[in-house]
Amino acid sequence: MQLRIFFKSFPETTRCPSCGKIGVIRRSRTKNFLEAAVKSSRIANVYKCRECGWRGILRKYTVNKYSFITLFFYIILIFTVAYIITKVLENKFGS
């Protein structure tokens, strides 16, 4: 089982932020430097609605409550392992 912190979302299958219809959003070409920078970051992309003409930036990845639980688990695990390693090294080499 693979735990993921970020989940890939598919903006093409979500609702349009303007008209609310499903399945009408498609990727759009970049028109300026800011949009090109966003696209090259691979975190978001430029989209356009075929119905109402809305055009904007939507994220490709999303974070949900399970992401925070997973991240919290990893942080606790790191601190626990660091504490155990510190205690083992203190017992072996003394301080």
PDB file of N, CA and C in Angstrom:
ATOM      1  N   MET A   1       0.841  -1.182   0.000  1.00  0.00           N
ATOM      2  CA  MET A   1       0.000   0.000   0.000  1.00  0.00           C
ATOM      3  C   MET A   1       0.884   1.243   0.000  1.00  0.00           C
ATOM      4  N   GLN A   2       0.603   2.147  -0.884  1.00  0.00           N
ATOM      5  CA  GLN A   2       1.403   3.364  -0.995  1.00  0.00           C
ATOM      6  C   GLN A   2       0.594   4.533  -0.434  1.00  0.00           C
ATOM      7  N   LEU A   3       1.177   5.244   0.537  1.00  0.00           N
ATOM      8  CA  LEU A   3       0.513   6.403   1.102  1.00  0.00           C
ATOM      9  C   LEU A   3       0.970   7.647   0.352  1.00  0.00           C
ATOM     10  N   ARG A   4       0.034   8.493   0.004  1.00  0.00           N
ATOM     11  CA  ARG A   4       0.360   9.709  -0.722  1.00  0.00           C
ATOM     12  C   ARG A   4      -0.108  10.915   0.068  1.00  0.00           C
ATOM     13  N   ILE A   5       0.711  11.958   0.036  1.00  0.00           N
ATOM     14  CA  ILE A   5       0.339  13.191   0.719  1.00  0.00           C
ATOM     15  C   ILE A   5      -0.491  14.067  -0.208  1.00  0.00           C
ATOM     16  N   PHE A   6      -0.134  14.106  -1.484  1.00  0.00           N
ATOM     17  CA  PHE A   6      -0.874  14.899  -2.451  1.00  0.00           C
ATOM     18  C   PHE A   6      -1.602  13.964  -3.402  1.00  0.00           C
ATOM     19  N   PHE A   7      -2.819  14.307  -3.748  1.00  0.00           N
ATOM     20  CA  PHE A   7      -3.606  13.494  -4.644  1.00  0.00           C
ATOM     21  C   PHE A   7      -3.814  14.236  -5.949  1.00  0.00           C
ATOM     22  N   LYS A   8      -3.646  13.544  -7.062  1.00  0.00           N
ATOM     23  CA  LYS A   8      -3.818  14.162  -8.366  1.00  0.00           C
ATOM     24  C   LYS A   8      -5.299  14.377  -8.608  1.00  0.00           C
ATOM     25  N   SER A   9      -5.639  15.577  -8.991  1.00  0.00           N
ATOM     26  CA  SER A   9      -7.021  15.867  -9.342  1.00  0.00           C
ATOM     27  C   SER A   9      -7.109  16.024 -10.851  1.00  0.00           C
ATOM     28  N   PHE A  10      -8.289  15.885 -11.377  1.00  0.00           N
ATOM     29  CA  PHE A  10      -8.503  15.989 -12.812  1.00  0.00           C
ATOM     30  C   PHE A  10      -9.483  17.123 -13.074  1.00  0.00           C
ATOM     31  N   PRO A  11      -8.964  18.340 -13.302  1.00  0.00           N
ATOM     32  CA  PRO A  11      -9.850  19.493 -13.513  1.00  0.00           C
ATOM     33  C   PRO A  11     -10.805  19.319 -14.688  1.00  0.00           C
ATOM     34  N   GLU A  12     -10.434  18.489 -15.672  1.00  0.00           N
ATOM     35  CA  GLU A  12     -11.306  18.288 -16.830  1.00  0.00           C
ATOM     36  C   GLU A  12     -12.635  17.649 -16.448  1.00  0.00           C
ATOM     37  N   THR A  13     -12.673  16.942 -15.324  1.00  0.00           N
ATOM     38  CA  THR A  13     -13.913  16.273 -14.913  1.00  0.00           C
ATOM     39  C   THR A  13     -14.626  16.991 -13.774  1.00  0.00           C
ATOM     40  N   THR A  14     -14.133  18.146 -13.357  1.00  0.00           N
ATOM     41  CA  THR A  14     -14.779  18.893 -12.284  1.00  0.00           C
ATOM     42  C   THR A  14     -15.749  19.918 -12.854  1.00  0.00           C
ATOM     43  N   ARG A  15     -16.433  20.606 -11.957  1.00  0.00           N
ATOM     44  CA  ARG A  15     -17.387  21.644 -12.359  1.00  0.00           C
ATOM     45  C   ARG A  15     -16.662  22.918 -12.772  1.00  0.00           C
ATOM     46  N   CYS A  16     -17.244  23.611 -13.700  1.00  0.00           N
ATOM     47  CA  CYS A  16     -16.727  24.917 -14.093  1.00  0.00           C
ATOM     48  C   CYS A  16     -16.972  25.885 -12.940  1.00  0.00           C
ATOM     49  N   PRO A  17     -15.974  26.663 -12.525  1.00  0.00           N
ATOM     50  CA  PRO A  17     -16.163  27.609 -11.424  1.00  0.00           C
ATOM     51  C   PRO A  17     -17.185  28.697 -11.730  1.00  0.00           C
ATOM     52  N   SER A  18     -17.455  28.947 -12.996  1.00  0.00           N
ATOM     53  CA  SER A  18     -18.378  30.016 -13.366  1.00  0.00           C
ATOM     54  C   SER A  18     -19.802  29.510 -13.598  1.00  0.00           C
ATOM     55  N   CYS A  19     -19.978  28.558 -14.519  1.00  0.00           N
ATOM     56  CA  CYS A  19     -21.335  28.113 -14.865  1.00  0.00           C
ATOM     57  C   CYS A  19     -21.766  26.853 -14.114  1.00  0.00           C
ATOM     58  N   GLY A  20     -20.817  26.097 -13.548  1.00  0.00           N
ATOM     59  CA  GLY A  20     -21.160  24.925 -12.749  1.00  0.00           C
ATOM     60  C   GLY A  20     -21.392  23.651 -13.534  1.00  0.00           C
ATOM     61  N   LYS A  21     -21.232  23.672 -14.841  1.00  0.00           N
ATOM     62  CA  LYS A  21     -21.438  22.457 -15.632  1.00  0.00           C
ATOM     63  C   LYS A  21     -20.228  21.537 -15.501  1.00  0.00           C
ATOM     64  N   ILE A  22     -20.486  20.237 -15.622  1.00  0.00           N
ATOM     65  CA  ILE A  22     -19.439  19.229 -15.467  1.00  0.00           C
ATOM     66  C   ILE A  22     -18.944  18.779 -16.831  1.00  0.00           C
ATOM     67  N   GLY A  23     -17.632  18.596 -16.947  1.00  0.00           N
ATOM     68  CA  GLY A  23     -17.047  18.030 -18.158  1.00  0.00           C
ATOM     69  C   GLY A  23     -16.886  19.003 -19.312  1.00  0.00           C
ATOM     70  N   VAL A  24     -16.940  20.297 -19.057  1.00  0.00           N
ATOM     71  CA  VAL A  24     -16.800  21.271 -20.139  1.00  0.00           C
ATOM     72  C   VAL A  24     -15.486  22.038 -20.082  1.00  0.00           C
ATOM     73  N   ILE A  25     -14.651  21.745 -19.098  1.00  0.00           N
ATOM     74  CA  ILE A  25     -13.383  22.449 -18.948  1.00  0.00           C
ATOM     75  C   ILE A  25     -12.291  21.710 -19.717  1.00  0.00           C
ATOM     76  N   ARG A  26     -11.545  22.461 -20.501  1.00  0.00           N
ATOM     77  CA  ARG A  26     -10.431  21.912 -21.277  1.00  0.00           C
ATOM     78  C   ARG A  26      -9.201  22.777 -21.062  1.00  0.00           C
ATOM     79  N   ARG A  27      -8.022  22.189 -21.283  1.00  0.00           N
ATOM     80  CA  ARG A  27      -6.796  22.968 -21.148  1.00  0.00           C
ATOM     81  C   ARG A  27      -6.739  24.032 -22.233  1.00  0.00           C
ATOM     82  N   SER A  28      -6.156  25.161 -21.871  1.00  0.00           N
ATOM     83  CA  SER A  28      -6.049  26.290 -22.778  1.00  0.00           C
ATOM     84  C   SER A  28      -4.584  26.625 -23.018  1.00  0.00           C
ATOM     85  N   ARG A  29      -4.309  27.294 -24.118  1.00  0.00           N
ATOM     86  CA  ARG A  29      -2.944  27.736 -24.392  1.00  0.00           C
ATOM     87  C   ARG A  29      -2.608  28.930 -23.517  1.00  0.00           C
ATOM     88  N   THR A  30      -1.331  29.052 -23.209  1.00  0.00           N
ATOM     89  CA  THR A  30      -0.902  30.193 -22.399  1.00  0.00           C
ATOM     90  C   THR A  30      -0.870  31.444 -23.268  1.00  0.00           C
ATOM     91  N   LYS A  31      -1.212  32.597 -22.638  1.00  0.00           N
ATOM     92  CA  LYS A  31      -1.252  33.846 -23.390  1.00  0.00           C
ATOM     93  C   LYS A  31      -0.256  34.877 -22.897  1.00  0.00           C
ATOM     94  N   ASN A  32       0.354  34.630 -21.724  1.00  0.00           N
ATOM     95  CA  ASN A  32       1.337  35.596 -21.220  1.00  0.00           C
ATOM     96  C   ASN A  32       2.395  34.858 -20.392  1.00  0.00           C
ATOM     97  N   PHE A  33       3.354  35.625 -19.898  1.00  0.00           N
ATOM     98  CA  PHE A  33       4.471  35.045 -19.158  1.00  0.00           C
ATOM     99  C   PHE A  33       4.013  34.383 -17.857  1.00  0.00           C
ATOM    100  N   LEU A  34       3.065  35.000 -17.145  1.00  0.00           N
ATOM    101  CA  LEU A  34       2.587  34.429 -15.880  1.00  0.00           C
ATOM    102  C   LEU A  34       1.957  33.063 -16.100  1.00  0.00           C
ATOM    103  N   GLU A  35       1.128  32.939 -17.103  1.00  0.00           N
ATOM    104  CA  GLU A  35       0.495  31.646 -17.389  1.00  0.00           C
ATOM    105  C   GLU A  35       1.535  30.604 -17.808  1.00  0.00           C
ATOM    106  N   ALA A  36       2.548  31.033 -18.554  1.00  0.00           N
ATOM    107  CA  ALA A  36       3.607  30.103 -18.955  1.00  0.00           C
ATOM    108  C   ALA A  36       4.398  29.635 -17.739  1.00  0.00           C
ATOM    109  N   ALA A  37       4.625  30.539 -16.782  1.00  0.00           N
ATOM    110  CA  ALA A  37       5.347  30.169 -15.557  1.00  0.00           C
ATOM    111  C   ALA A  37       4.528  29.192 -14.729  1.00  0.00           C
ATOM    112  N   VAL A  38       3.232  29.405 -14.640  1.00  0.00           N
ATOM    113  CA  VAL A  38       2.360  28.497 -13.890  1.00  0.00           C
ATOM    114  C   VAL A  38       2.364  27.119 -14.539  1.00  0.00           C
ATOM    115  N   LYS A  39       2.262  27.099 -15.852  1.00  0.00           N
ATOM    116  CA  LYS A  39       2.244  25.819 -16.563  1.00  0.00           C
ATOM    117  C   LYS A  39       3.555  25.063 -16.398  1.00  0.00           C
ATOM    118  N   SER A  40       4.677  25.783 -16.423  1.00  0.00           N
ATOM    119  CA  SER A  40       5.970  25.112 -16.303  1.00  0.00           C
ATOM    120  C   SER A  40       6.238  24.601 -14.890  1.00  0.00           C
ATOM    121  N   SER A  41       5.489  25.103 -13.902  1.00  0.00           N
ATOM    122  CA  SER A  41       5.665  24.625 -12.531  1.00  0.00           C
ATOM    123  C   SER A  41       5.115  23.221 -12.340  1.00  0.00           C
ATOM    124  N   ARG A  42       4.274  22.775 -13.229  1.00  0.00           N
ATOM    125  CA  ARG A  42       3.646  21.454 -13.189  1.00  0.00           C
ATOM    126  C   ARG A  42       2.738  21.254 -11.987  1.00  0.00           C
ATOM    127  N   ILE A  43       2.395  22.327 -11.310  1.00  0.00           N
ATOM    128  CA  ILE A  43       1.467  22.257 -10.176  1.00  0.00           C
ATOM    129  C   ILE A  43       0.061  22.627 -10.625  1.00  0.00           C
ATOM    130  N   ALA A  44      -0.020  23.512 -11.602  1.00  0.00           N
ATOM    131  CA  ALA A  44      -1.310  23.980 -12.091  1.00  0.00           C
ATOM    132  C   ALA A  44      -1.238  24.140 -13.602  1.00  0.00           C
ATOM    133  N   ASN A  45      -2.396  24.409 -14.198  1.00  0.00           N
ATOM    134  CA  ASN A  45      -2.450  24.611 -15.629  1.00  0.00           C
ATOM    135  C   ASN A  45      -3.562  25.608 -15.934  1.00  0.00           C
ATOM    136  N   VAL A  46      -3.559  26.124 -17.154  1.00  0.00           N
ATOM    137  CA  VAL A  46      -4.567  27.082 -17.584  1.00  0.00           C
ATOM    138  C   VAL A  46      -5.700  26.305 -18.256  1.00  0.00           C
ATOM    139  N   TYR A  47      -6.941  26.611 -17.857  1.00  0.00           N
ATOM    140  CA  TYR A  47      -8.109  25.912 -18.394  1.00  0.00           C
ATOM    141  C   TYR A  47      -9.127  26.916 -18.910  1.00  0.00           C
ATOM    142  N   LYS A  48     -10.018  26.426 -19.786  1.00  0.00           N
ATOM    143  CA  LYS A  48     -11.071  27.261 -20.336  1.00  0.00           C
ATOM    144  C   LYS A  48     -12.350  26.431 -20.433  1.00  0.00           C
ATOM    145  N   CYS A  49     -13.477  27.070 -20.116  1.00  0.00           N
ATOM    146  CA  CYS A  49     -14.775  26.404 -20.213  1.00  0.00           C
ATOM    147  C   CYS A  49     -15.308  26.560 -21.635  1.00  0.00           C
ATOM    148  N   ARG A  50     -15.762  25.463 -22.215  1.00  0.00           N
ATOM    149  CA  ARG A  50     -16.305  25.507 -23.574  1.00  0.00           C
ATOM    150  C   ARG A  50     -17.706  26.112 -23.608  1.00  0.00           C
ATOM    151  N   GLU A  51     -18.395  26.104 -22.484  1.00  0.00           N
ATOM    152  CA  GLU A  51     -19.772  26.611 -22.452  1.00  0.00           C
ATOM    153  C   GLU A  51     -19.837  28.118 -22.210  1.00  0.00           C
ATOM    154  N   CYS A  52     -19.250  28.575 -21.116  1.00  0.00           N
ATOM    155  CA  CYS A  52     -19.408  29.983 -20.722  1.00  0.00           C
ATOM    156  C   CYS A  52     -18.196  30.848 -21.054  1.00  0.00           C
ATOM    157  N   GLY A  53     -17.076  30.228 -21.447  1.00  0.00           N
ATOM    158  CA  GLY A  53     -15.889  30.993 -21.805  1.00  0.00           C
ATOM    159  C   GLY A  53     -14.992  31.347 -20.629  1.00  0.00           C
ATOM    160  N   TRP A  54     -15.318  30.867 -19.415  1.00  0.00           N
ATOM    161  CA  TRP A  54     -14.455  31.134 -18.252  1.00  0.00           C
ATOM    162  C   TRP A  54     -13.055  30.640 -18.560  1.00  0.00           C
ATOM    163  N   ARG A  55     -12.071  31.393 -18.133  1.00  0.00           N
ATOM    164  CA  ARG A  55     -10.675  31.029 -18.345  1.00  0.00           C
ATOM    165  C   ARG A  55      -9.911  31.323 -17.072  1.00  0.00           C
ATOM    166  N   GLY A  56      -9.149  30.327 -16.595  1.00  0.00           N
ATOM    167  CA  GLY A  56      -8.409  30.530 -15.360  1.00  0.00           C
ATOM    168  C   GLY A  56      -7.442  29.402 -15.074  1.00  0.00           C
ATOM    169  N   ILE A  57      -6.859  29.467 -13.887  1.00  0.00           N
ATOM    170  CA  ILE A  57      -5.839  28.507 -13.468  1.00  0.00           C
ATOM    171  C   ILE A  57      -6.435  27.569 -12.424  1.00  0.00           C
ATOM    172  N   LEU A  58      -6.245  26.273 -12.627  1.00  0.00           N
ATOM    173  CA  LEU A  58      -6.693  25.261 -11.671  1.00  0.00           C
ATOM    174  C   LEU A  58      -5.519  24.371 -11.302  1.00  0.00           C
ATOM    175  N   ARG A  59      -5.491  23.937 -10.040  1.00  0.00           N
ATOM    176  CA  ARG A  59      -4.408  23.071  -9.556  1.00  0.00           C
ATOM    177  C   ARG A  59      -4.578  21.647 -10.062  1.00  0.00           C
ATOM    178  N   LYS A  60      -3.432  20.978 -10.285  1.00  0.00           N
ATOM    179  CA  LYS A  60      -3.445  19.578 -10.701  1.00  0.00           C
ATOM    180  C   LYS A  60      -3.447  18.635  -9.507  1.00  0.00           C
ATOM    181  N   TYR A  61      -2.982  19.138  -8.358  1.00  0.00           N
ATOM    182  CA  TYR A  61      -2.900  18.302  -7.163  1.00  0.00           C
ATOM    183  C   TYR A  61      -3.707  18.936  -6.054  1.00  0.00           C
ATOM    184  N   THR A  62      -4.275  18.111  -5.218  1.00  0.00           N
ATOM    185  CA  THR A  62      -5.088  18.606  -4.122  1.00  0.00           C
ATOM    186  C   THR A  62      -4.648  17.966  -2.813  1.00  0.00           C
ATOM    187  N   VAL A  63      -4.980  18.604  -1.728  1.00  0.00           N
ATOM    188  CA  VAL A  63      -4.663  18.097  -0.393  1.00  0.00           C
ATOM    189  C   VAL A  63      -5.989  17.932   0.333  1.00  0.00           C
ATOM    190  N   ASN A  64      -6.184  16.778   0.972  1.00  0.00           N
ATOM    191  CA  ASN A  64      -7.405  16.570   1.743  1.00  0.00           C
ATOM    192  C   ASN A  64      -7.056  16.197   3.180  1.00  0.00           C
ATOM    193  N   LYS A  65      -8.052  15.859   3.992  1.00  0.00           N
ATOM    194  CA  LYS A  65      -7.785  15.587   5.409  1.00  0.00           C
ATOM    195  C   LYS A  65      -6.885  14.366   5.599  1.00  0.00           C
ATOM    196  N   TYR A  66      -6.950  13.403   4.702  1.00  0.00           N
ATOM    197  CA  TYR A  66      -6.080  12.242   4.817  1.00  0.00           C
ATOM    198  C   TYR A  66      -4.624  12.623   4.546  1.00  0.00           C
ATOM    199  N   SER A  67      -4.427  13.655   3.751  1.00  0.00           N
ATOM    200  CA  SER A  67      -3.072  14.147   3.508  1.00  0.00           C
ATOM    201  C   SER A  67      -2.460  14.670   4.793  1.00  0.00           C
ATOM    202  N   PHE A  68      -3.236  15.413   5.565  1.00  0.00           N
ATOM    203  CA  PHE A  68      -2.730  15.942   6.831  1.00  0.00           C
ATOM    204  C   PHE A  68      -2.475  14.829   7.841  1.00  0.00           C
ATOM    205  N   ILE A  69      -3.336  13.831   7.856  1.00  0.00           N
ATOM    206  CA  ILE A  69      -3.138  12.689   8.759  1.00  0.00           C
ATOM    207  C   ILE A  69      -1.853  11.954   8.391  1.00  0.00           C
ATOM    208  N   THR A  70      -1.638  11.719   7.102  1.00  0.00           N
ATOM    209  CA  THR A  70      -0.423  11.047   6.637  1.00  0.00           C
ATOM    210  C   THR A  70       0.819  11.863   6.967  1.00  0.00           C
ATOM    211  N   LEU A  71       0.758  13.165   6.720  1.00  0.00           N
ATOM    212  CA  LEU A  71       1.893  14.041   7.018  1.00  0.00           C
ATOM    213  C   LEU A  71       2.187  14.053   8.515  1.00  0.00           C
ATOM    214  N   PHE A  72       1.160  14.117   9.357  1.00  0.00           N
ATOM    215  CA  PHE A  72       1.333  14.078  10.803  1.00  0.00           C
ATOM    216  C   PHE A  72       1.976  12.763  11.236  1.00  0.00           C
ATOM    217  N   PHE A  73       1.537  11.651  10.644  1.00  0.00           N
ATOM    218  CA  PHE A  73       2.105  10.339  10.945  1.00  0.00           C
ATOM    219  C   PHE A  73       3.598  10.313  10.625  1.00  0.00           C
ATOM    220  N   TYR A  74       3.980  10.831   9.459  1.00  0.00           N
ATOM    221  CA  TYR A  74       5.389  10.846   9.073  1.00  0.00           C
ATOM    222  C   TYR A  74       6.228  11.713  10.008  1.00  0.00           C
ATOM    223  N   ILE A  75       5.698  12.842  10.433  1.00  0.00           N
ATOM    224  CA  ILE A  75       6.434  13.712  11.357  1.00  0.00           C
ATOM    225  C   ILE A  75       6.658  13.009  12.696  1.00  0.00           C
ATOM    226  N   ILE A  76       5.613  12.385  13.232  1.00  0.00           N
ATOM    227  CA  ILE A  76       5.736  11.635  14.491  1.00  0.00           C
ATOM    228  C   ILE A  76       6.740  10.493  14.329  1.00  0.00           C
ATOM    229  N   LEU A  77       6.690   9.806  13.199  1.00  0.00           N
ATOM    230  CA  LEU A  77       7.609   8.698  12.944  1.00  0.00           C
ATOM    231  C   LEU A  77       9.061   9.185  12.904  1.00  0.00           C
ATOM    232  N   ILE A  78       9.310  10.297  12.267  1.00  0.00           N
ATOM    233  CA  ILE A  78      10.668  10.849  12.184  1.00  0.00           C
ATOM    234  C   ILE A  78      11.193  11.208  13.562  1.00  0.00           C
ATOM    235  N   PHE A  79      10.376  11.887  14.367  1.00  0.00           N
ATOM    236  CA  PHE A  79      10.818  12.253  15.713  1.00  0.00           C
ATOM    237  C   PHE A  79      11.042  11.033  16.593  1.00  0.00           C
ATOM    238  N   THR A  80      10.201  10.021  16.463  1.00  0.00           N
ATOM    239  CA  THR A  80      10.359   8.802  17.256  1.00  0.00           C
ATOM    240  C   THR A  80      11.651   8.082  16.890  1.00  0.00           C
ATOM    241  N   VAL A  81      11.914   7.944  15.611  1.00  0.00           N
ATOM    242  CA  VAL A  81      13.142   7.274  15.169  1.00  0.00           C
ATOM    243  C   VAL A  81      14.370   8.066  15.597  1.00  0.00           C
ATOM    244  N   ALA A  82      14.315   9.376  15.478  1.00  0.00           N
ATOM    245  CA  ALA A  82      15.448  10.217  15.899  1.00  0.00           C
ATOM    246  C   ALA A  82      15.699  10.062  17.398  1.00  0.00           C
ATOM    247  N   TYR A  83      14.648  10.001  18.199  1.00  0.00           N
ATOM    248  CA  TYR A  83      14.792   9.822  19.645  1.00  0.00           C
ATOM    249  C   TYR A  83      15.414   8.462  19.969  1.00  0.00           C
ATOM    250  N   ILE A  84      14.942   7.419  19.305  1.00  0.00           N
ATOM    251  CA  ILE A  84      15.473   6.073  19.543  1.00  0.00           C
ATOM    252  C   ILE A  84      16.950   6.003  19.146  1.00  0.00           C
ATOM    253  N   ILE A  85      17.303   6.565  18.007  1.00  0.00           N
ATOM    254  CA  ILE A  85      18.700   6.556  17.571  1.00  0.00           C
ATOM    255  C   ILE A  85      19.577   7.322  18.553  1.00  0.00           C
ATOM    256  N   THR A  86      19.082   8.451  19.040  1.00  0.00           N
ATOM    257  CA  THR A  86      19.843   9.230  20.018  1.00  0.00           C
ATOM    258  C   THR A  86      20.096   8.416  21.281  1.00  0.00           C
ATOM    259  N   LYS A  87      19.091   7.732  21.790  1.00  0.00           N
ATOM    260  CA  LYS A  87      19.240   6.924  23.005  1.00  0.00           C
ATOM    261  C   LYS A  87      20.195   5.754  22.783  1.00  0.00           C
ATOM    262  N   VAL A  88      20.120   5.102  21.630  1.00  0.00           N
ATOM    263  CA  VAL A  88      21.010   3.986  21.336  1.00  0.00           C
ATOM    264  C   VAL A  88      22.460   4.463  21.266  1.00  0.00           C
ATOM    265  N   LEU A  89      22.681   5.594  20.599  1.00  0.00           N
ATOM    266  CA  LEU A  89      24.040   6.131  20.497  1.00  0.00           C
ATOM    267  C   LEU A  89      24.578   6.575  21.852  1.00  0.00           C
ATOM    268  N   GLU A  90      23.713   7.125  22.710  1.00  0.00           N
ATOM    269  CA  GLU A  90      24.160   7.521  24.052  1.00  0.00           C
ATOM    270  C   GLU A  90      24.554   6.300  24.869  1.00  0.00           C
ATOM    271  N   ASN A  91      23.802   5.215  24.755  1.00  0.00           N
ATOM    272  CA  ASN A  91      24.126   3.985  25.500  1.00  0.00           C
ATOM    273  C   ASN A  91      25.392   3.322  24.975  1.00  0.00           C
ATOM    274  N   LYS A  92      25.603   3.381  23.666  1.00  0.00           N
ATOM    275  CA  LYS A  92      26.755   2.703  23.085  1.00  0.00           C
ATOM    276  C   LYS A  92      28.059   3.489  23.316  1.00  0.00           C
ATOM    277  N   PHE A  93      28.003   4.797  23.124  1.00  0.00           N
ATOM    278  CA  PHE A  93      29.213   5.600  23.222  1.00  0.00           C
ATOM    279  C   PHE A  93      29.296   6.409  24.510  1.00  0.00           C
ATOM    280  N   GLY A  94      28.210   6.527  25.225  1.00  0.00           N
ATOM    281  CA  GLY A  94      28.189   7.276  26.476  1.00  0.00           C
ATOM    282  C   GLY A  94      28.436   8.758  26.250  1.00  0.00           C
ATOM    283  N   SER A  95      27.856   9.573  27.078  1.00  0.00           N
ATOM    284  CA  SER A  95      28.126  10.992  26.928  1.00  0.00           C
ATOM    285  C   SER A  95      28.310  11.701  28.223  1.00  0.00           C
TER     286      SER A  95
END
